[in-house]
Amino acid sequence: MWSVVWAAVRSKAPYVTFPVAFVVGLVGYHLEWLLRGPPAPPAEEEKSISEQREDRKLRELAGEDLTKVVSLKDKLEFAPRAVLNRNRPEKS
């Protein structure tokens, strides 16, 4: 007789275990919420790295005059030295 009972319990275990686990989880969740209270709202949402970088660049550019730019004629190098300096004679 016991073997028949154990076989029935083993075959029906998922149908019994899931609702029991669901109820235990639900009760535990609400009990924890009652003990801790509602979560505190965040003081300020944290900015992403790209937004922080943009803010920093804007702060750096705030005091500069953006109309004064070095002309291309005044620049000696148009490309990095490692690229074009290979076959070019040294400038004096």
N, C-alpha and C. Protein backbone atom coordinates (compact mmCIF):
# COMPACT_ATOMS: atom_id res chain seq x y z
N MET A 1 0.81 -1.20 0.00
CA MET A 1 0.00 0.00 0.00
C MET A 1 0.86 1.27 0.00
N TRP A 2 1.93 1.24 0.82
CA TRP A 2 2.80 2.41 0.88
C TRP A 2 3.48 2.71 -0.46
N SER A 3 3.80 1.69 -1.20
CA SER A 3 4.45 1.92 -2.49
C SER A 3 3.51 2.64 -3.46
N VAL A 4 2.23 2.35 -3.38
CA VAL A 4 1.26 3.04 -4.22
C VAL A 4 1.14 4.51 -3.79
N VAL A 5 1.13 4.78 -2.51
CA VAL A 5 1.04 6.15 -2.00
C VAL A 5 2.27 6.94 -2.41
N TRP A 6 3.46 6.36 -2.24
CA TRP A 6 4.69 7.06 -2.62
C TRP A 6 4.77 7.30 -4.12
N ALA A 7 4.29 6.36 -4.91
CA ALA A 7 4.28 6.56 -6.36
C ALA A 7 3.34 7.70 -6.73
N ALA A 8 2.20 7.79 -6.08
CA ALA A 8 1.26 8.88 -6.35
C ALA A 8 1.84 10.22 -5.92
N VAL A 9 2.49 10.26 -4.76
CA VAL A 9 3.09 11.50 -4.26
C VAL A 9 4.20 11.95 -5.20
N ARG A 10 5.02 10.98 -5.65
CA ARG A 10 6.13 11.31 -6.53
C ARG A 10 5.63 11.84 -7.88
N SER A 11 4.57 11.30 -8.41
CA SER A 11 4.07 11.75 -9.72
C SER A 11 3.32 13.07 -9.62
N LYS A 12 2.72 13.35 -8.47
CA LYS A 12 1.95 14.60 -8.31
C LYS A 12 2.73 15.68 -7.58
N ALA A 13 4.02 15.48 -7.30
CA ALA A 13 4.82 16.43 -6.52
C ALA A 13 4.88 17.82 -7.16
N PRO A 14 5.09 17.96 -8.48
CA PRO A 14 5.13 19.32 -9.04
C PRO A 14 3.81 20.08 -8.87
N TYR A 15 2.70 19.38 -8.91
CA TYR A 15 1.40 20.04 -8.79
C TYR A 15 1.13 20.49 -7.36
N VAL A 16 1.79 19.88 -6.40
CA VAL A 16 1.61 20.25 -5.00
C VAL A 16 2.69 21.25 -4.59
N THR A 17 3.90 21.05 -5.06
CA THR A 17 5.03 21.87 -4.62
C THR A 17 4.92 23.31 -5.11
N PHE A 18 4.53 23.53 -6.35
CA PHE A 18 4.47 24.88 -6.89
C PHE A 18 3.49 25.78 -6.13
N PRO A 19 2.24 25.37 -5.89
CA PRO A 19 1.36 26.26 -5.13
C PRO A 19 1.84 26.52 -3.71
N VAL A 20 2.44 25.51 -3.06
CA VAL A 20 2.94 25.71 -1.71
C VAL A 20 4.10 26.71 -1.73
N ALA A 21 5.02 26.57 -2.68
CA ALA A 21 6.14 27.50 -2.78
C ALA A 21 5.66 28.90 -3.13
N PHE A 22 4.65 29.01 -3.95
CA PHE A 22 4.10 30.31 -4.32
C PHE A 22 3.51 31.02 -3.10
N VAL A 23 2.75 30.29 -2.31
CA VAL A 23 2.12 30.88 -1.11
C VAL A 23 3.18 31.28 -0.09
N VAL A 24 4.18 30.44 0.10
CA VAL A 24 5.25 30.76 1.06
C VAL A 24 6.00 32.01 0.59
N GLY A 25 6.31 32.11 -0.69
CA GLY A 25 7.00 33.28 -1.22
C GLY A 25 6.17 34.54 -1.10
N LEU A 26 4.89 34.45 -1.38
CA LEU A 26 4.00 35.60 -1.30
C LEU A 26 3.89 36.10 0.14
N VAL A 27 3.72 35.18 1.08
CA VAL A 27 3.62 35.57 2.49
C VAL A 27 4.94 36.19 2.96
N GLY A 28 6.07 35.60 2.57
CA GLY A 28 7.37 36.13 2.97
C GLY A 28 7.62 37.50 2.39
N TYR A 29 7.23 37.73 1.15
CA TYR A 29 7.41 39.03 0.51
C TYR A 29 6.64 40.11 1.26
N HIS A 30 5.38 39.84 1.55
CA HIS A 30 4.55 40.84 2.23
C HIS A 30 4.98 41.02 3.69
N LEU A 31 5.43 39.97 4.33
CA LEU A 31 5.92 40.09 5.70
C LEU A 31 7.18 40.96 5.74
N GLU A 32 8.08 40.76 4.81
CA GLU A 32 9.29 41.58 4.75
C GLU A 32 8.93 43.04 4.44
N TRP A 33 7.98 43.27 3.56
CA TRP A 33 7.56 44.64 3.23
C TRP A 33 6.97 45.32 4.46
N LEU A 34 6.19 44.58 5.26
CA LEU A 34 5.61 45.16 6.47
C LEU A 34 6.69 45.49 7.50
N LEU A 35 7.69 44.64 7.63
CA LEU A 35 8.75 44.87 8.61
C LEU A 35 9.66 46.02 8.21
N ARG A 36 10.03 46.10 6.94
CA ARG A 36 10.95 47.14 6.49
C ARG A 36 10.24 48.44 6.15
N GLY A 37 9.03 48.38 5.76
CA GLY A 37 8.31 49.57 5.33
C GLY A 37 8.51 49.77 3.83
N PRO A 38 7.81 50.74 3.26
CA PRO A 38 7.96 50.98 1.82
C PRO A 38 9.36 51.50 1.50
N PRO A 39 9.88 51.19 0.33
CA PRO A 39 11.23 51.65 -0.01
C PRO A 39 11.28 53.17 -0.15
N ALA A 40 12.40 53.74 0.28
CA ALA A 40 12.57 55.19 0.20
C ALA A 40 12.81 55.58 -1.26
N PRO A 41 12.23 56.69 -1.71
CA PRO A 41 12.47 57.11 -3.09
C PRO A 41 13.92 57.56 -3.26
N PRO A 42 14.50 57.32 -4.41
CA PRO A 42 15.89 57.75 -4.61
C PRO A 42 16.00 59.27 -4.59
N ALA A 43 17.08 59.77 -4.00
CA ALA A 43 17.27 61.22 -3.88
C ALA A 43 17.39 61.86 -5.26
N GLU A 44 18.22 61.28 -6.10
CA GLU A 44 18.40 61.79 -7.45
C GLU A 44 18.86 60.63 -8.31
N GLU A 45 18.32 60.56 -9.48
CA GLU A 45 18.75 59.49 -10.36
C GLU A 45 20.18 59.75 -10.79
N GLU A 46 20.97 58.70 -10.76
CA GLU A 46 22.38 58.84 -11.11
C GLU A 46 22.52 58.96 -12.62
N LYS A 47 23.39 59.87 -13.05
CA LYS A 47 23.59 60.09 -14.48
C LYS A 47 24.50 59.01 -15.04
N SER A 48 24.32 58.74 -16.31
CA SER A 48 25.17 57.76 -16.96
C SER A 48 26.56 58.35 -17.19
N ILE A 49 27.49 57.50 -17.55
CA ILE A 49 28.87 57.94 -17.79
C ILE A 49 28.92 58.94 -18.93
N SER A 50 28.18 58.68 -20.00
CA SER A 50 28.21 59.60 -21.14
C SER A 50 27.63 60.97 -20.76
N GLU A 51 26.58 60.99 -19.95
CA GLU A 51 26.02 62.27 -19.52
C GLU A 51 26.99 63.02 -18.61
N GLN A 52 27.69 62.30 -17.74
CA GLN A 52 28.69 62.94 -16.89
C GLN A 52 29.82 63.52 -17.73
N ARG A 53 30.23 62.80 -18.76
CA ARG A 53 31.29 63.28 -19.65
C ARG A 53 30.86 64.53 -20.39
N GLU A 54 29.61 64.55 -20.89
CA GLU A 54 29.12 65.73 -21.59
C GLU A 54 29.05 66.94 -20.66
N ASP A 55 28.62 66.73 -19.43
CA ASP A 55 28.56 67.83 -18.46
C ASP A 55 29.96 68.37 -18.17
N ARG A 56 30.93 67.48 -18.02
CA ARG A 56 32.30 67.92 -17.76
C ARG A 56 32.86 68.72 -18.93
N LYS A 57 32.59 68.26 -20.15
CA LYS A 57 33.07 68.99 -21.34
C LYS A 57 32.41 70.37 -21.43
N LEU A 58 31.14 70.45 -21.10
CA LEU A 58 30.46 71.75 -21.12
C LEU A 58 31.04 72.69 -20.08
N ARG A 59 31.37 72.17 -18.89
CA ARG A 59 31.98 73.01 -17.86
C ARG A 59 33.35 73.49 -18.30
N GLU A 60 34.11 72.63 -18.98
CA GLU A 60 35.44 73.03 -19.46
C GLU A 60 35.35 74.10 -20.54
N LEU A 61 34.33 74.02 -21.39
CA LEU A 61 34.19 74.97 -22.49
C LEU A 61 33.52 76.27 -22.06
N ALA A 62 33.01 76.33 -20.85
CA ALA A 62 32.24 77.50 -20.42
C ALA A 62 33.08 78.78 -20.43
N GLY A 63 34.36 78.73 -20.06
CA GLY A 63 35.16 79.93 -19.97
C GLY A 63 35.98 80.23 -21.21
N GLU A 64 35.94 79.40 -22.21
CA GLU A 64 36.78 79.58 -23.40
C GLU A 64 36.04 80.35 -24.49
N ASP A 65 36.84 81.05 -25.32
CA ASP A 65 36.29 81.73 -26.48
C ASP A 65 36.39 80.77 -27.67
N LEU A 66 35.27 80.30 -28.13
CA LEU A 66 35.25 79.27 -29.17
C LEU A 66 35.49 79.82 -30.57
N THR A 67 35.57 81.15 -30.71
CA THR A 67 35.81 81.73 -32.04
C THR A 67 37.29 81.78 -32.38
N LYS A 68 38.14 81.65 -31.38
CA LYS A 68 39.58 81.68 -31.63
C LYS A 68 40.08 80.26 -31.84
N VAL A 69 40.38 79.95 -33.09
CA VAL A 69 40.82 78.62 -33.46
C VAL A 69 42.12 78.75 -34.23
N VAL A 70 43.03 77.82 -34.04
CA VAL A 70 44.29 77.83 -34.77
C VAL A 70 44.00 77.47 -36.22
N SER A 71 44.53 78.27 -37.16
CA SER A 71 44.27 77.99 -38.57
C SER A 71 45.10 76.80 -39.02
N LEU A 72 44.68 76.19 -40.09
CA LEU A 72 45.38 75.02 -40.61
C LEU A 72 46.74 75.40 -41.19
N LYS A 73 46.89 76.64 -41.66
CA LYS A 73 48.17 77.08 -42.20
C LYS A 73 49.23 77.15 -41.10
N ASP A 74 48.80 77.48 -39.90
CA ASP A 74 49.74 77.61 -38.79
C ASP A 74 50.15 76.25 -38.21
N LYS A 75 49.36 75.25 -38.45
CA LYS A 75 49.69 73.94 -37.93
C LYS A 75 50.79 73.32 -38.79
N LEU A 76 51.76 72.71 -38.16
CA LEU A 76 52.86 72.09 -38.90
C LEU A 76 52.51 70.66 -39.32
N GLU A 77 51.77 69.99 -38.50
CA GLU A 77 51.44 68.59 -38.78
C GLU A 77 49.94 68.44 -38.96
N PHE A 78 49.53 67.81 -40.05
CA PHE A 78 48.11 67.55 -40.28
C PHE A 78 47.71 66.15 -39.82
N ALA A 79 48.68 65.27 -39.75
CA ALA A 79 48.41 63.89 -39.35
C ALA A 79 49.38 63.53 -38.23
N PRO A 80 49.10 62.48 -37.52
CA PRO A 80 50.02 62.07 -36.47
C PRO A 80 51.41 61.76 -37.02
N ARG A 81 52.41 62.01 -36.23
CA ARG A 81 53.78 61.82 -36.69
C ARG A 81 54.05 60.37 -37.06
N ALA A 82 53.47 59.44 -36.38
CA ALA A 82 53.76 58.04 -36.63
C ALA A 82 53.29 57.60 -38.01
N VAL A 83 52.33 58.30 -38.59
CA VAL A 83 51.78 57.87 -39.87
C VAL A 83 52.62 58.36 -41.04
N LEU A 84 52.89 59.65 -41.08
CA LEU A 84 53.52 60.23 -42.25
C LEU A 84 54.99 60.58 -42.07
N ASN A 85 55.54 60.40 -40.90
CA ASN A 85 56.90 60.80 -40.65
C ASN A 85 57.91 59.76 -41.12
N ARG A 86 57.46 58.70 -41.68
CA ARG A 86 58.32 57.60 -42.03
C ARG A 86 59.28 57.94 -43.18
N ASN A 87 58.75 58.46 -44.27
CA ASN A 87 59.57 58.70 -45.47
C ASN A 87 59.81 60.19 -45.70
N ARG A 88 59.57 61.02 -44.73
CA ARG A 88 59.70 62.45 -44.89
C ARG A 88 60.99 62.93 -44.22
N PRO A 89 61.71 63.84 -44.85
CA PRO A 89 62.90 64.35 -44.18
C PRO A 89 62.50 65.22 -42.99
N GLU A 90 63.38 65.33 -42.03
CA GLU A 90 63.11 66.13 -40.84
C GLU A 90 63.01 67.61 -41.19
N LYS A 91 62.11 68.32 -40.55
CA LYS A 91 61.96 69.76 -40.76
C LYS A 91 63.02 70.49 -39.95
N SER A 92 63.54 71.53 -40.52
CA SER A 92 64.56 72.29 -39.79
C SER A 92 64.02 73.58 -39.26
